[in-house]
Amino acid sequence: MIKIRRSFFENHVMRILLIEDYQPLKKSLTQGLREAGYAVDAASEGKEGLWYALSNDYDVIILDLMLPGLDGLQILKRLRAKEKKSHVLILTAKDTLEARIKGLDLGADDYLGKPFDFQELLARVRALMRRSYRKKNPSLKIEDLRIELSTQQVFRAD
């Protein structure tokens, strides 16, 4: 039997930062993302969200644009100026063509307008996770056991 230290897997937990000021949406998204298997931190205003984003490493940041204190585009600019590698998915009611282009040009990896379907949000998060692990080793193999880190699946003997 092969023993693997638990700390190895803790280093590969998919981490998400949600920055959303509308409390009912923040609460339901946090719960849904956790139930989907992600480690989630959540912030309600811009300065707090920026602090989380600069203080920790996240695989994906889900970012509202209209936030109190510091808006989402300012957060995005500061993250990219600090060369943070986290993927950013903008989730906002500002869904005009101009707003989408501006967000993507400032460094967002994806843009989803409100209202949205939670299953689509999860699919976009998974797509962003695959992008980050494509450059790294996306799977671990130990004898006939294979662990796909980006999809959180385990296979034995294929």
C-alpha atoms as a PDB file:
ATOM      1  CA  MET A   1       0.000   0.000   0.000  1.00  0.00           C
ATOM      2  CA  ILE A   2       1.288   3.439  -0.922  1.00  0.00           C
ATOM      3  CA  LYS A   3       0.755   6.203   1.593  1.00  0.00           C
ATOM      4  CA  ILE A   4       0.502   9.791   0.422  1.00  0.00           C
ATOM      5  CA  ARG A   5       0.821  12.629   2.836  1.00  0.00           C
ATOM      6  CA  ARG A   6      -2.434  14.532   3.201  1.00  0.00           C
ATOM      7  CA  SER A   7      -0.588  17.839   2.965  1.00  0.00           C
ATOM      8  CA  PHE A   8       0.207  17.104  -0.682  1.00  0.00           C
ATOM      9  CA  PHE A   9      -3.485  17.207  -1.586  1.00  0.00           C
ATOM     10  CA  GLU A  10      -4.109  20.247   0.582  1.00  0.00           C
ATOM     11  CA  ASN A  11      -1.639  22.108  -1.609  1.00  0.00           C
ATOM     12  CA  HIS A  12      -3.831  21.341  -4.638  1.00  0.00           C
ATOM     13  CA  VAL A  13      -7.230  22.394  -3.342  1.00  0.00           C
ATOM     14  CA  MET A  14      -8.882  24.555  -5.968  1.00  0.00           C
ATOM     15  CA  ARG A  15      -9.237  27.970  -4.361  1.00  0.00           C
ATOM     16  CA  ILE A  16     -11.761  30.597  -5.406  1.00  0.00           C
ATOM     17  CA  LEU A  17     -12.170  34.166  -4.239  1.00  0.00           C
ATOM     18  CA  LEU A  18     -15.657  35.605  -4.669  1.00  0.00           C
ATOM     19  CA  ILE A  19     -15.946  39.395  -4.525  1.00  0.00           C
ATOM     20  CA  GLU A  20     -19.657  40.246  -4.528  1.00  0.00           C
ATOM     21  CA  ASP A  21     -21.495  42.905  -2.535  1.00  0.00           C
ATOM     22  CA  TYR A  22     -25.082  41.658  -2.918  1.00  0.00           C
ATOM     23  CA  GLN A  23     -25.350  39.495   0.210  1.00  0.00           C
ATOM     24  CA  PRO A  24     -28.010  36.979  -0.945  1.00  0.00           C
ATOM     25  CA  LEU A  25     -26.032  36.244  -4.124  1.00  0.00           C
ATOM     26  CA  LYS A  26     -22.728  36.126  -2.241  1.00  0.00           C
ATOM     27  CA  LYS A  27     -24.164  33.638   0.249  1.00  0.00           C
ATOM     28  CA  SER A  28     -25.737  31.348  -2.366  1.00  0.00           C
ATOM     29  CA  LEU A  29     -22.665  31.384  -4.636  1.00  0.00           C
ATOM     30  CA  THR A  30     -20.345  30.662  -1.720  1.00  0.00           C
ATOM     31  CA  GLN A  31     -22.501  27.721  -0.658  1.00  0.00           C
ATOM     32  CA  GLY A  32     -22.874  26.380  -4.203  1.00  0.00           C
ATOM     33  CA  LEU A  33     -19.155  26.618  -4.961  1.00  0.00           C
ATOM     34  CA  ARG A  34     -18.284  24.891  -1.694  1.00  0.00           C
ATOM     35  CA  GLU A  35     -20.783  22.129  -2.436  1.00  0.00           C
ATOM     36  CA  ALA A  36     -19.066  21.755  -5.824  1.00  0.00           C
ATOM     37  CA  GLY A  37     -15.817  21.035  -3.967  1.00  0.00           C
ATOM     38  CA  TYR A  38     -13.997  24.359  -4.052  1.00  0.00           C
ATOM     39  CA  ALA A  39     -12.387  26.226  -1.172  1.00  0.00           C
ATOM     40  CA  VAL A  40     -14.048  29.640  -1.207  1.00  0.00           C
ATOM     41  CA  ASP A  41     -13.182  32.942   0.409  1.00  0.00           C
ATOM     42  CA  ALA A  42     -15.713  35.745  -0.026  1.00  0.00           C
ATOM     43  CA  ALA A  43     -15.521  39.511   0.269  1.00  0.00           C
ATOM     44  CA  SER A  44     -18.321  42.084   0.186  1.00  0.00           C
ATOM     45  CA  GLU A  45     -16.489  45.220  -0.832  1.00  0.00           C
ATOM     46  CA  GLY A  46     -13.630  46.227  -3.084  1.00  0.00           C
ATOM     47  CA  LYS A  47     -10.857  46.990  -0.599  1.00  0.00           C
ATOM     48  CA  GLU A  48     -11.470  43.771   1.309  1.00  0.00           C
ATOM     49  CA  GLY A  49     -11.528  41.782  -1.941  1.00  0.00           C
ATOM     50  CA  LEU A  50      -8.279  43.332  -3.128  1.00  0.00           C
ATOM     51  CA  TRP A  51      -6.645  42.506   0.210  1.00  0.00           C
ATOM     52  CA  TYR A  52      -7.708  38.843  -0.102  1.00  0.00           C
ATOM     53  CA  ALA A  53      -6.555  38.686  -3.722  1.00  0.00           C
ATOM     54  CA  LEU A  54      -3.124  40.148  -2.975  1.00  0.00           C
ATOM     55  CA  SER A  55      -2.618  38.189   0.252  1.00  0.00           C
ATOM     56  CA  ASN A  56      -3.452  34.706  -1.081  1.00  0.00           C
ATOM     57  CA  ASP A  57      -3.091  32.616  -4.200  1.00  0.00           C
ATOM     58  CA  TYR A  58      -6.386  31.782  -5.900  1.00  0.00           C
ATOM     59  CA  ASP A  59      -7.008  29.650  -8.937  1.00  0.00           C
ATOM     60  CA  VAL A  60     -10.012  31.778  -9.899  1.00  0.00           C
ATOM     61  CA  ILE A  61     -11.360  35.121  -8.723  1.00  0.00           C
ATOM     62  CA  ILE A  62     -15.045  35.767  -9.422  1.00  0.00           C
ATOM     63  CA  LEU A  63     -15.324  39.539  -9.497  1.00  0.00           C
ATOM     64  CA  ASP A  64     -18.335  41.848  -9.536  1.00  0.00           C
ATOM     65  CA  LEU A  65     -17.662  45.243 -11.109  1.00  0.00           C
ATOM     66  CA  MET A  66     -20.006  47.468  -9.103  1.00  0.00           C
ATOM     67  CA  LEU A  67     -18.565  47.260  -5.596  1.00  0.00           C
ATOM     68  CA  PRO A  68     -18.472  49.731  -2.722  1.00  0.00           C
ATOM     69  CA  GLY A  69     -15.121  51.313  -1.922  1.00  0.00           C
ATOM     70  CA  LEU A  70     -13.131  50.111  -4.903  1.00  0.00           C
ATOM     71  CA  ASP A  71     -14.790  48.972  -8.114  1.00  0.00           C
ATOM     72  CA  GLY A  72     -13.999  45.702  -9.864  1.00  0.00           C
ATOM     73  CA  LEU A  73     -12.075  47.258 -12.750  1.00  0.00           C
ATOM     74  CA  GLN A  74      -9.744  49.026 -10.295  1.00  0.00           C
ATOM     75  CA  ILE A  75      -9.209  45.705  -8.511  1.00  0.00           C
ATOM     76  CA  LEU A  76      -8.460  43.999 -11.828  1.00  0.00           C
ATOM     77  CA  LYS A  77      -5.954  46.707 -12.829  1.00  0.00           C
ATOM     78  CA  ARG A  78      -4.128  46.407  -9.496  1.00  0.00           C
ATOM     79  CA  LEU A  79      -4.020  42.614  -9.657  1.00  0.00           C
ATOM     80  CA  ARG A  80      -2.523  42.652 -13.130  1.00  0.00           C
ATOM     81  CA  ALA A  81      -0.061  45.412 -12.155  1.00  0.00           C
ATOM     82  CA  LYS A  82       1.119  43.157  -9.291  1.00  0.00           C
ATOM     83  CA  GLU A  83       1.365  40.268 -11.810  1.00  0.00           C
ATOM     84  CA  LYS A  84      -1.089  38.060  -9.921  1.00  0.00           C
ATOM     85  CA  LYS A  85      -1.656  34.945 -12.006  1.00  0.00           C
ATOM     86  CA  SER A  86      -5.171  34.144 -10.777  1.00  0.00           C
ATOM     87  CA  HIS A  87      -7.773  33.737 -13.492  1.00  0.00           C
ATOM     88  CA  VAL A  88     -10.456  36.408 -13.204  1.00  0.00           C
ATOM     89  CA  LEU A  89     -14.064  35.807 -14.165  1.00  0.00           C
ATOM     90  CA  ILE A  90     -16.088  39.000 -14.140  1.00  0.00           C
ATOM     91  CA  LEU A  91     -19.659  38.373 -12.976  1.00  0.00           C
ATOM     92  CA  THR A  92     -21.698  41.540 -13.310  1.00  0.00           C
ATOM     93  CA  ALA A  93     -24.916  43.231 -14.348  1.00  0.00           C
ATOM     94  CA  LYS A  94     -22.807  45.530 -16.563  1.00  0.00           C
ATOM     95  CA  ASP A  95     -23.216  43.386 -19.661  1.00  0.00           C
ATOM     96  CA  THR A  96     -22.862  45.807 -22.562  1.00  0.00           C
ATOM     97  CA  LEU A  97     -20.453  45.064 -25.375  1.00  0.00           C
ATOM     98  CA  GLU A  98     -18.259  47.990 -24.304  1.00  0.00           C
ATOM     99  CA  ALA A  99     -18.119  46.774 -20.686  1.00  0.00           C
ATOM    100  CA  ARG A 100     -17.190  43.232 -21.756  1.00  0.00           C
ATOM    101  CA  ILE A 101     -14.442  44.485 -24.083  1.00  0.00           C
ATOM    102  CA  LYS A 102     -13.039  46.798 -21.391  1.00  0.00           C
ATOM    103  CA  GLY A 103     -13.003  44.036 -18.762  1.00  0.00           C
ATOM    104  CA  LEU A 104     -11.326  41.547 -21.067  1.00  0.00           C
ATOM    105  CA  ASP A 105      -8.796  44.126 -22.293  1.00  0.00           C
ATOM    106  CA  LEU A 106      -7.874  44.966 -18.690  1.00  0.00           C
ATOM    107  CA  GLY A 107      -6.947  41.330 -18.050  1.00  0.00           C
ATOM    108  CA  ALA A 108     -10.107  39.393 -17.202  1.00  0.00           C
ATOM    109  CA  ASP A 109     -10.084  35.816 -18.476  1.00  0.00           C
ATOM    110  CA  ASP A 110     -13.858  35.510 -18.825  1.00  0.00           C
ATOM    111  CA  TYR A 111     -16.970  37.650 -18.499  1.00  0.00           C
ATOM    112  CA  LEU A 112     -20.457  36.523 -17.504  1.00  0.00           C
ATOM    113  CA  GLY A 113     -23.466  38.806 -17.273  1.00  0.00           C
ATOM    114  CA  LYS A 114     -26.166  38.707 -14.629  1.00  0.00           C
ATOM    115  CA  PRO A 115     -28.634  37.073 -14.548  1.00  0.00           C
ATOM    116  CA  PHE A 116     -26.796  33.800 -15.171  1.00  0.00           C
ATOM    117  CA  ASP A 117     -27.246  30.073 -14.742  1.00  0.00           C
ATOM    118  CA  PHE A 118     -25.198  28.574 -11.892  1.00  0.00           C
ATOM    119  CA  GLN A 119     -24.311  25.498 -13.999  1.00  0.00           C
ATOM    120  CA  GLU A 120     -22.813  27.784 -16.648  1.00  0.00           C
ATOM    121  CA  LEU A 121     -20.805  29.588 -13.982  1.00  0.00           C
ATOM    122  CA  LEU A 122     -19.455  26.228 -12.765  1.00  0.00           C
ATOM    123  CA  ALA A 123     -18.574  25.225 -16.342  1.00  0.00           C
ATOM    124  CA  ARG A 124     -16.670  28.474 -16.828  1.00  0.00           C
ATOM    125  CA  VAL A 125     -14.819  27.986 -13.530  1.00  0.00           C
ATOM    126  CA  ARG A 126     -13.850  24.443 -14.609  1.00  0.00           C
ATOM    127  CA  ALA A 127     -12.626  25.789 -17.958  1.00  0.00           C
ATOM    128  CA  LEU A 128     -10.457  28.353 -16.181  1.00  0.00           C
ATOM    129  CA  MET A 129      -9.100  25.649 -13.863  1.00  0.00           C
ATOM    130  CA  ARG A 130      -8.150  23.527 -16.873  1.00  0.00           C
ATOM    131  CA  ARG A 131      -6.251  26.445 -18.345  1.00  0.00           C
ATOM    132  CA  SER A 132      -4.198  26.889 -15.197  1.00  0.00           C
ATOM    133  CA  TYR A 133      -3.338  23.203 -14.938  1.00  0.00           C
ATOM    134  CA  ARG A 134      -2.643  22.610 -18.611  1.00  0.00           C
ATOM    135  CA  LYS A 135       0.734  24.287 -18.125  1.00  0.00           C
ATOM    136  CA  LYS A 136       1.384  22.308 -14.969  1.00  0.00           C
ATOM    137  CA  ASN A 137       1.097  18.600 -14.424  1.00  0.00           C
ATOM    138  CA  PRO A 138      -2.677  18.047 -14.658  1.00  0.00           C
ATOM    139  CA  SER A 139      -2.558  14.542 -13.217  1.00  0.00           C
ATOM    140  CA  LEU A 140      -0.683  12.420 -10.738  1.00  0.00           C
ATOM    141  CA  LYS A 141       0.031   8.783 -11.425  1.00  0.00           C
ATOM    142  CA  ILE A 142       0.936   6.252  -8.737  1.00  0.00           C
ATOM    143  CA  GLU A 143       1.097   2.702 -10.057  1.00  0.00           C
ATOM    144  CA  ASP A 144      -2.381   2.103 -11.530  1.00  0.00           C
ATOM    145  CA  LEU A 145      -3.983   5.087  -9.745  1.00  0.00           C
ATOM    146  CA  ARG A 146      -4.415   8.352 -11.679  1.00  0.00           C
ATOM    147  CA  ILE A 147      -5.635  11.591 -10.068  1.00  0.00           C
ATOM    148  CA  GLU A 148      -6.810  14.384 -12.386  1.00  0.00           C
ATOM    149  CA  LEU A 149      -6.227  17.566 -10.396  1.00  0.00           C
ATOM    150  CA  SER A 150      -8.159  19.928 -12.649  1.00  0.00           C
ATOM    151  CA  THR A 151     -11.356  17.837 -12.685  1.00  0.00           C
ATOM    152  CA  GLN A 152     -10.990  16.330  -9.200  1.00  0.00           C
ATOM    153  CA  GLN A 153     -11.447  12.775 -10.541  1.00  0.00           C
ATOM    154  CA  VAL A 154      -9.635   9.577  -9.546  1.00  0.00           C
ATOM    155  CA  PHE A 155      -9.153   6.536 -11.802  1.00  0.00           C
ATOM    156  CA  ARG A 156      -7.760   3.075 -11.069  1.00  0.00           C
ATOM    157  CA  ALA A 157      -6.443   0.900 -13.920  1.00  0.00           C
ATOM    158  CA  ASP A 158      -7.943   3.356 -16.420  1.00  0.00           C
END
